[in-house]
Amino acid sequence: MLDVITLGEAMIRFSPQNYERLEFATQLDFKVGGSESNVAVALARLGLSVGWISKLTDNSLGRKIESELKRWAVNLDSLIWTPNYRVGTYYAEFGSDPRPTNIIYDRKSSAFSHITVEEINWTYLEACKHFHTSGITVALSDNCETVVMQCLKFMNEKGKSTSFDLNYRSRLWTGQDARTKLSRNIFPHVDILLASESDLDKVFVELDGDFKEKALNLLEEFDLKVLVLTRGPNPPYILENNGNELLGKGYQPNIVDRIGAGDAFDAGFLYGYLSGSLEMGLEYGEAMSALKFSIPGDWLIVTQEEIEGFIKRRGSLIKR
């Protein structure tokens, strides 16, 4: 019995060092990352038993991803291998204000985008308490959309809980496409929706009011159990279907690497939720997201002691 299973694509990430421009770089850092694998690693670091379902090309890059996830104790018993297609990559050119970070994806026709419902190990999926995936996965292909929808429906039928991060990426699909497909096929099977306020505004442009009104409208429209709204440096907001509200503290971090901070928040929230406490989920989500900003790479590699220490210090950088 696993605590959580995530479904999604992991890629190889290449990035220049010290804020260098890609066109002038002579060396690139070589790391692994992807939204759902980021969540899996962070939860495994907290001691949960976590599995990751994906499809990889059987070559050196695919095996690199496999070995890195195994290193952090993520269960890969239902990893799907193929001799065909390719492993997706992306390039992260880090900027500092006023120059934004630039992401270049090179993932077309990746192995994961060709995943099929027939390849899913349903026995493996049933033997877990909670299932998590994101909008990035849905956007990759029609195959991926079908697999996500069927996995969510399957978990609903088995009485298991599900969560979904909106994770809107404009380079993968338009806001209109995202709104149509998610509203029709995905959200009806989701218990917990996690989203940033900026992503919400891009996909659900018709929503009016402040962040609380937007959250309430979505919660009611899609019959969600919980809606979790992150708001950049502003306090995150949680709304339950029983009317219970929680508002975080907010934190303005010094940014070393922003990639994966939202996934770190998701992992922290899910840890609290699965422990029976939304309050813990909010505290852990904020702490883990803030800590991720200070760590290069997609993954949050910290200890639970460091997370608890951040919460107790309320973000103070002085440790005595």
Protein backbone atom coordinates (compact mmCIF):
# COMPACT_ATOMS: atom_id res chain seq x y z
CA MET A 1 0.00 0.00 0.00
CA LEU A 2 1.52 3.29 -1.13
CA ASP A 3 0.50 6.61 0.37
CA VAL A 4 0.61 8.55 -2.91
CA ILE A 5 1.09 7.85 -6.61
CA THR A 6 1.85 10.64 -9.05
CA LEU A 7 1.56 10.47 -12.84
CA GLY A 8 3.55 12.63 -15.23
CA GLU A 9 6.58 13.24 -17.39
CA ALA A 10 10.10 13.83 -16.11
CA MET A 11 12.63 15.51 -18.37
CA ILE A 12 16.31 16.24 -18.54
CA ARG A 13 16.99 19.85 -17.59
CA PHE A 14 19.95 21.78 -19.00
CA SER A 15 20.84 25.19 -17.61
CA PRO A 16 23.83 27.58 -17.79
CA GLN A 17 25.56 28.50 -14.55
CA ASN A 18 25.66 31.91 -12.86
CA TYR A 19 22.82 33.49 -14.88
CA GLU A 20 24.75 33.10 -18.14
CA ARG A 21 22.90 33.41 -21.45
CA LEU A 22 22.34 30.14 -23.30
CA GLU A 23 23.82 31.46 -26.53
CA PHE A 24 27.14 32.17 -24.80
CA ALA A 25 27.24 29.14 -22.47
CA THR A 26 30.07 26.63 -22.75
CA GLN A 27 28.84 24.36 -19.91
CA LEU A 28 25.37 23.28 -18.83
CA ASP A 29 24.13 21.78 -15.57
CA PHE A 30 22.46 18.42 -16.15
CA LYS A 31 19.51 17.66 -13.85
CA VAL A 32 16.17 15.83 -13.79
CA GLY A 33 12.80 17.47 -13.23
CA GLY A 34 9.09 17.42 -13.92
CA SER A 35 6.09 18.56 -11.91
CA GLU A 36 4.75 15.22 -10.68
CA SER A 37 8.17 13.67 -10.11
CA ASN A 38 9.07 16.81 -8.11
CA VAL A 39 6.05 16.21 -5.88
CA ALA A 40 6.95 12.53 -5.53
CA VAL A 41 10.52 13.26 -4.41
CA ALA A 42 9.42 15.89 -1.89
CA LEU A 43 6.83 13.57 -0.35
CA ALA A 44 9.33 10.70 -0.20
CA ARG A 45 11.73 13.00 1.66
CA LEU A 46 8.99 13.43 4.28
CA GLY A 47 8.84 9.67 4.81
CA LEU A 48 5.72 8.82 2.81
CA SER A 49 5.70 5.81 0.51
CA VAL A 50 5.37 7.30 -2.96
CA GLY A 51 5.12 5.83 -6.44
CA TRP A 52 5.55 7.51 -9.81
CA ILE A 53 3.94 6.33 -13.05
CA SER A 54 5.53 7.43 -16.29
CA LYS A 55 6.84 6.18 -19.63
CA LEU A 56 10.53 6.42 -20.53
CA THR A 57 12.67 5.62 -23.53
CA ASP A 58 15.09 2.82 -22.72
CA ASN A 59 18.33 4.71 -23.27
CA SER A 60 20.91 6.52 -21.14
CA LEU A 61 18.65 9.53 -20.55
CA GLY A 62 15.70 7.37 -19.49
CA ARG A 63 17.92 5.40 -17.13
CA LYS A 64 19.32 8.67 -15.74
CA ILE A 65 15.80 9.69 -14.73
CA GLU A 66 15.12 6.26 -13.25
CA SER A 67 18.29 6.22 -11.16
CA GLU A 68 17.75 9.74 -9.81
CA LEU A 69 14.22 8.97 -8.64
CA LYS A 70 15.34 5.69 -7.10
CA ARG A 71 18.02 7.61 -5.24
CA TRP A 72 15.30 9.45 -3.32
CA ALA A 73 13.28 6.27 -2.59
CA VAL A 74 10.46 6.83 -5.08
CA ASN A 75 8.80 3.52 -6.03
CA LEU A 76 9.05 2.79 -9.77
CA ASP A 77 7.46 -0.65 -9.91
CA SER A 78 5.03 0.45 -12.65
CA LEU A 79 7.40 2.49 -14.77
CA ILE A 80 6.73 1.85 -18.48
CA TRP A 81 9.71 1.35 -20.80
CA THR A 82 9.81 1.64 -24.58
CA PRO A 83 12.60 1.37 -27.19
CA ASN A 84 10.83 4.07 -29.20
CA TYR A 85 10.38 7.85 -29.13
CA ARG A 86 12.59 10.06 -26.96
CA VAL A 87 13.14 11.54 -23.51
CA GLY A 88 11.94 15.13 -23.28
CA THR A 89 14.39 17.89 -22.38
CA TYR A 90 14.16 21.53 -21.44
CA TYR A 91 16.55 24.44 -21.13
CA ALA A 92 16.32 26.90 -18.25
CA GLU A 93 18.08 30.23 -18.75
CA PHE A 94 17.90 31.92 -15.36
CA GLY A 95 17.36 35.64 -15.18
CA SER A 96 17.53 38.18 -12.40
CA ASP A 97 15.24 41.20 -12.20
CA PRO A 98 14.53 42.81 -14.66
CA ARG A 99 15.45 39.89 -16.99
CA PRO A 100 13.00 36.99 -16.55
CA THR A 101 13.92 33.32 -16.49
CA ASN A 102 13.40 31.79 -19.93
CA ILE A 103 12.32 28.16 -20.48
CA ILE A 104 12.77 26.39 -23.82
CA TYR A 105 10.99 23.02 -24.10
CA ASP A 106 12.18 20.24 -26.40
CA ARG A 107 9.71 17.48 -25.60
CA LYS A 108 7.65 16.91 -28.77
CA SER A 109 6.85 13.21 -29.37
CA SER A 110 8.39 12.17 -26.07
CA ALA A 111 7.80 8.63 -24.86
CA PHE A 112 5.43 9.85 -22.16
CA SER A 113 3.23 11.69 -24.66
CA HIS A 114 2.53 8.27 -26.23
CA ILE A 115 1.37 6.61 -23.01
CA THR A 116 -1.85 4.60 -23.34
CA VAL A 117 -4.59 3.47 -20.97
CA GLU A 118 -3.69 -0.15 -21.70
CA GLU A 119 -0.20 0.40 -20.26
CA ILE A 120 -1.43 1.53 -16.82
CA ASN A 121 -1.06 -1.03 -14.03
CA TRP A 122 -4.48 -0.67 -12.40
CA THR A 123 -3.65 -3.05 -9.57
CA TYR A 124 -0.69 -0.85 -8.67
CA LEU A 125 -2.82 2.30 -8.80
CA GLU A 126 -5.58 0.79 -6.68
CA ALA A 127 -3.10 -0.09 -3.95
CA CYS A 128 -2.52 3.54 -2.98
CA LYS A 129 -4.39 6.06 -0.87
CA HIS A 130 -4.08 9.15 -3.04
CA PHE A 131 -3.46 10.05 -6.69
CA HIS A 132 -1.90 13.30 -7.94
CA THR A 133 -1.24 14.78 -11.38
CA SER A 134 -1.39 18.15 -13.17
CA GLY A 135 -2.50 20.20 -16.15
CA ILE A 136 0.92 19.88 -17.73
CA THR A 137 0.30 16.16 -18.18
CA VAL A 138 -3.15 16.68 -19.71
CA ALA A 139 -1.74 19.22 -22.19
CA LEU A 140 0.96 16.94 -23.62
CA SER A 141 -1.27 14.85 -25.92
CA ASP A 142 -4.74 13.41 -26.41
CA ASN A 143 -3.33 10.12 -25.08
CA CYS A 144 -2.22 11.84 -21.88
CA GLU A 145 -5.59 13.53 -21.44
CA THR A 146 -7.35 10.17 -21.75
CA VAL A 147 -4.97 8.45 -19.31
CA VAL A 148 -5.38 11.21 -16.70
CA MET A 149 -9.17 11.16 -17.01
CA GLN A 150 -9.32 7.36 -16.69
CA CYS A 151 -6.96 7.32 -13.69
CA LEU A 152 -9.02 9.96 -11.89
CA LYS A 153 -12.28 8.14 -12.63
CA PHE A 154 -10.77 4.86 -11.48
CA MET A 155 -9.68 6.37 -8.17
CA ASN A 156 -13.13 7.91 -7.69
CA GLU A 157 -14.73 4.50 -8.21
CA LYS A 158 -12.37 2.92 -5.68
CA GLY A 159 -13.17 5.58 -3.07
CA LYS A 160 -9.63 7.02 -3.12
CA SER A 161 -8.76 10.72 -2.98
CA THR A 162 -7.37 12.72 -5.90
CA SER A 163 -5.57 16.02 -6.38
CA PHE A 164 -4.79 18.07 -9.46
CA ASP A 165 -2.52 21.08 -9.94
CA LEU A 166 -3.78 23.41 -12.68
CA ASN A 167 -0.14 24.12 -13.70
CA TYR A 168 -1.08 26.08 -16.84
CA ARG A 169 1.67 26.35 -19.47
CA SER A 170 0.90 28.71 -22.35
CA ARG A 171 3.52 27.01 -24.55
CA LEU A 172 1.58 23.74 -24.34
CA TRP A 173 -1.99 24.95 -24.92
CA THR A 174 -4.22 28.01 -24.92
CA GLY A 175 -6.27 29.12 -21.95
CA GLN A 176 -9.45 28.34 -23.91
CA ASP A 177 -8.30 24.78 -24.66
CA ALA A 178 -7.31 24.25 -21.06
CA ARG A 179 -10.63 25.55 -19.74
CA THR A 180 -12.67 23.41 -22.13
CA LYS A 181 -10.81 20.13 -21.61
CA LEU A 182 -10.32 20.46 -17.87
CA SER A 183 -13.90 21.52 -17.20
CA ARG A 184 -15.36 18.71 -19.31
CA ASN A 185 -13.08 15.75 -18.61
CA ILE A 186 -10.87 16.36 -15.58
CA PHE A 187 -12.34 18.54 -12.84
CA PRO A 188 -15.49 16.42 -12.37
CA HIS A 189 -13.20 13.67 -10.99
CA VAL A 190 -10.94 15.86 -8.81
CA ASP A 191 -11.26 16.19 -5.03
CA ILE A 192 -8.51 18.78 -4.44
CA LEU A 193 -7.66 21.48 -6.96
CA LEU A 194 -4.42 23.37 -6.45
CA ALA A 195 -3.75 26.47 -8.55
CA SER A 196 -1.87 29.71 -8.58
CA GLU A 197 -4.03 32.82 -8.79
CA SER A 198 -2.21 33.89 -11.97
CA ASP A 199 -2.92 30.54 -13.68
CA LEU A 200 -6.54 30.73 -12.60
CA ASP A 201 -6.88 34.16 -14.21
CA LYS A 202 -5.35 32.93 -17.48
CA VAL A 203 -7.57 29.87 -17.81
CA PHE A 204 -10.83 31.05 -16.22
CA VAL A 205 -10.84 34.61 -17.54
CA GLU A 206 -14.57 34.99 -16.93
CA LEU A 207 -14.23 34.73 -13.14
CA ASP A 208 -15.01 37.98 -11.35
CA GLY A 209 -14.36 39.22 -7.83
CA ASP A 210 -11.45 38.86 -5.46
CA PHE A 211 -9.49 35.65 -4.91
CA LYS A 212 -11.98 34.36 -2.35
CA GLU A 213 -14.93 34.80 -4.71
CA LYS A 214 -13.05 33.10 -7.55
CA ALA A 215 -12.21 30.16 -5.29
CA LEU A 216 -15.82 29.81 -4.14
CA ASN A 217 -17.13 29.90 -7.72
CA LEU A 218 -14.80 27.12 -8.84
CA LEU A 219 -15.40 25.04 -5.72
CA GLU A 220 -19.15 25.11 -6.31
CA GLU A 221 -19.05 24.74 -10.11
CA PHE A 222 -16.95 21.57 -10.03
CA ASP A 223 -18.12 20.15 -6.69
CA LEU A 224 -14.59 20.12 -5.28
CA LYS A 225 -13.82 19.11 -1.72
CA VAL A 226 -10.92 21.54 -1.32
CA LEU A 227 -9.53 24.40 -3.40
CA VAL A 228 -5.99 25.59 -2.66
CA LEU A 229 -4.96 28.92 -4.14
CA THR A 230 -1.35 30.12 -4.08
CA ARG A 231 -0.79 33.83 -4.60
CA GLY A 232 2.91 34.47 -5.13
CA PRO A 233 4.39 36.27 -2.11
CA ASN A 234 0.86 36.89 -0.79
CA PRO A 235 -0.72 34.48 1.70
CA PRO A 236 -2.11 31.29 0.12
CA TYR A 237 -5.79 30.55 0.62
CA ILE A 238 -7.61 27.27 1.28
CA LEU A 239 -11.37 26.80 0.98
CA GLU A 240 -13.23 23.61 1.92
CA ASN A 241 -16.67 22.63 0.68
CA ASN A 242 -17.96 22.95 4.25
CA GLY A 243 -17.11 26.66 4.20
CA ASN A 244 -13.94 26.38 6.29
CA GLU A 245 -11.30 28.94 5.23
CA LEU A 246 -7.58 29.15 5.94
CA LEU A 247 -5.21 31.98 5.05
CA GLY A 248 -1.45 31.57 5.16
CA LYS A 249 1.23 34.03 6.16
CA GLY A 250 2.94 34.80 2.85
CA TYR A 251 6.68 35.00 2.35
CA GLN A 252 8.99 36.92 0.00
CA PRO A 253 11.97 34.62 -0.64
CA ASN A 254 15.38 35.42 -2.02
CA ILE A 255 15.22 33.45 -5.28
CA VAL A 256 18.02 31.13 -6.31
CA ASP A 257 15.84 28.81 -8.45
CA ARG A 258 12.08 29.25 -8.69
CA ILE A 259 11.43 26.06 -10.72
CA GLY A 260 9.63 23.46 -8.61
CA ALA A 261 8.46 25.83 -5.87
CA GLY A 262 4.81 25.20 -6.70
CA ASP A 263 5.39 21.46 -6.66
CA ALA A 264 7.07 21.78 -3.26
CA PHE A 265 3.97 23.60 -2.00
CA ASP A 266 1.76 20.82 -3.38
CA ALA A 267 3.82 18.19 -1.56
CA GLY A 268 3.66 20.09 1.72
CA PHE A 269 -0.08 20.56 1.44
CA LEU A 270 -0.68 16.90 0.57
CA TYR A 271 1.49 15.81 3.50
CA GLY A 272 -0.73 17.76 5.88
CA TYR A 273 -3.94 16.72 4.15
CA LEU A 274 -3.05 13.03 4.30
CA SER A 275 -2.09 13.49 7.96
CA GLY A 276 -5.59 14.83 8.62
CA SER A 277 -4.72 18.51 9.04
CA LEU A 278 -5.26 21.26 6.49
CA GLU A 279 -3.53 23.65 8.89
CA MET A 280 -0.40 21.49 8.76
CA GLY A 281 -0.74 21.30 5.00
CA LEU A 282 -0.80 25.08 4.74
CA GLU A 283 2.21 25.49 7.04
CA TYR A 284 4.21 22.79 5.31
CA GLY A 285 3.24 24.03 1.86
CA GLU A 286 4.43 27.56 2.56
CA ALA A 287 7.62 26.39 4.27
CA MET A 288 8.54 23.89 1.56
CA SER A 289 7.85 26.34 -1.25
CA ALA A 290 9.98 29.02 0.42
CA LEU A 291 12.81 26.57 1.01
CA LYS A 292 12.69 25.36 -2.60
CA PHE A 293 13.43 28.89 -3.85
CA SER A 294 16.83 28.59 -2.13
CA ILE A 295 17.82 25.28 -3.78
CA PRO A 296 19.11 24.81 -7.37
CA GLY A 297 17.33 22.16 -9.42
CA ASP A 298 13.70 21.06 -9.61
CA TRP A 299 13.71 18.96 -6.45
CA LEU A 300 13.27 20.01 -2.83
CA ILE A 301 16.04 18.14 -1.04
CA VAL A 302 15.53 19.09 2.61
CA THR A 303 14.86 17.30 5.87
CA GLN A 304 11.69 17.44 7.92
CA GLU A 305 13.75 19.06 10.66
CA GLU A 306 14.62 21.93 8.30
CA ILE A 307 10.95 22.37 7.38
CA GLU A 308 9.88 22.42 11.02
CA GLY A 309 12.72 24.81 11.78
CA PHE A 310 11.54 27.23 9.10
CA ILE A 311 8.00 27.13 10.48
CA LYS A 312 9.20 27.83 14.02
CA ARG A 313 11.49 30.66 12.88
CA ARG A 314 8.72 32.06 10.65
CA GLY A 315 11.24 32.56 7.87
CA SER A 316 13.99 34.17 9.92
CA LEU A 317 17.35 33.38 8.36
CA ILE A 318 19.06 33.28 11.75
CA LYS A 319 19.49 29.77 13.10
CA ARG A 320 20.87 29.47 16.64
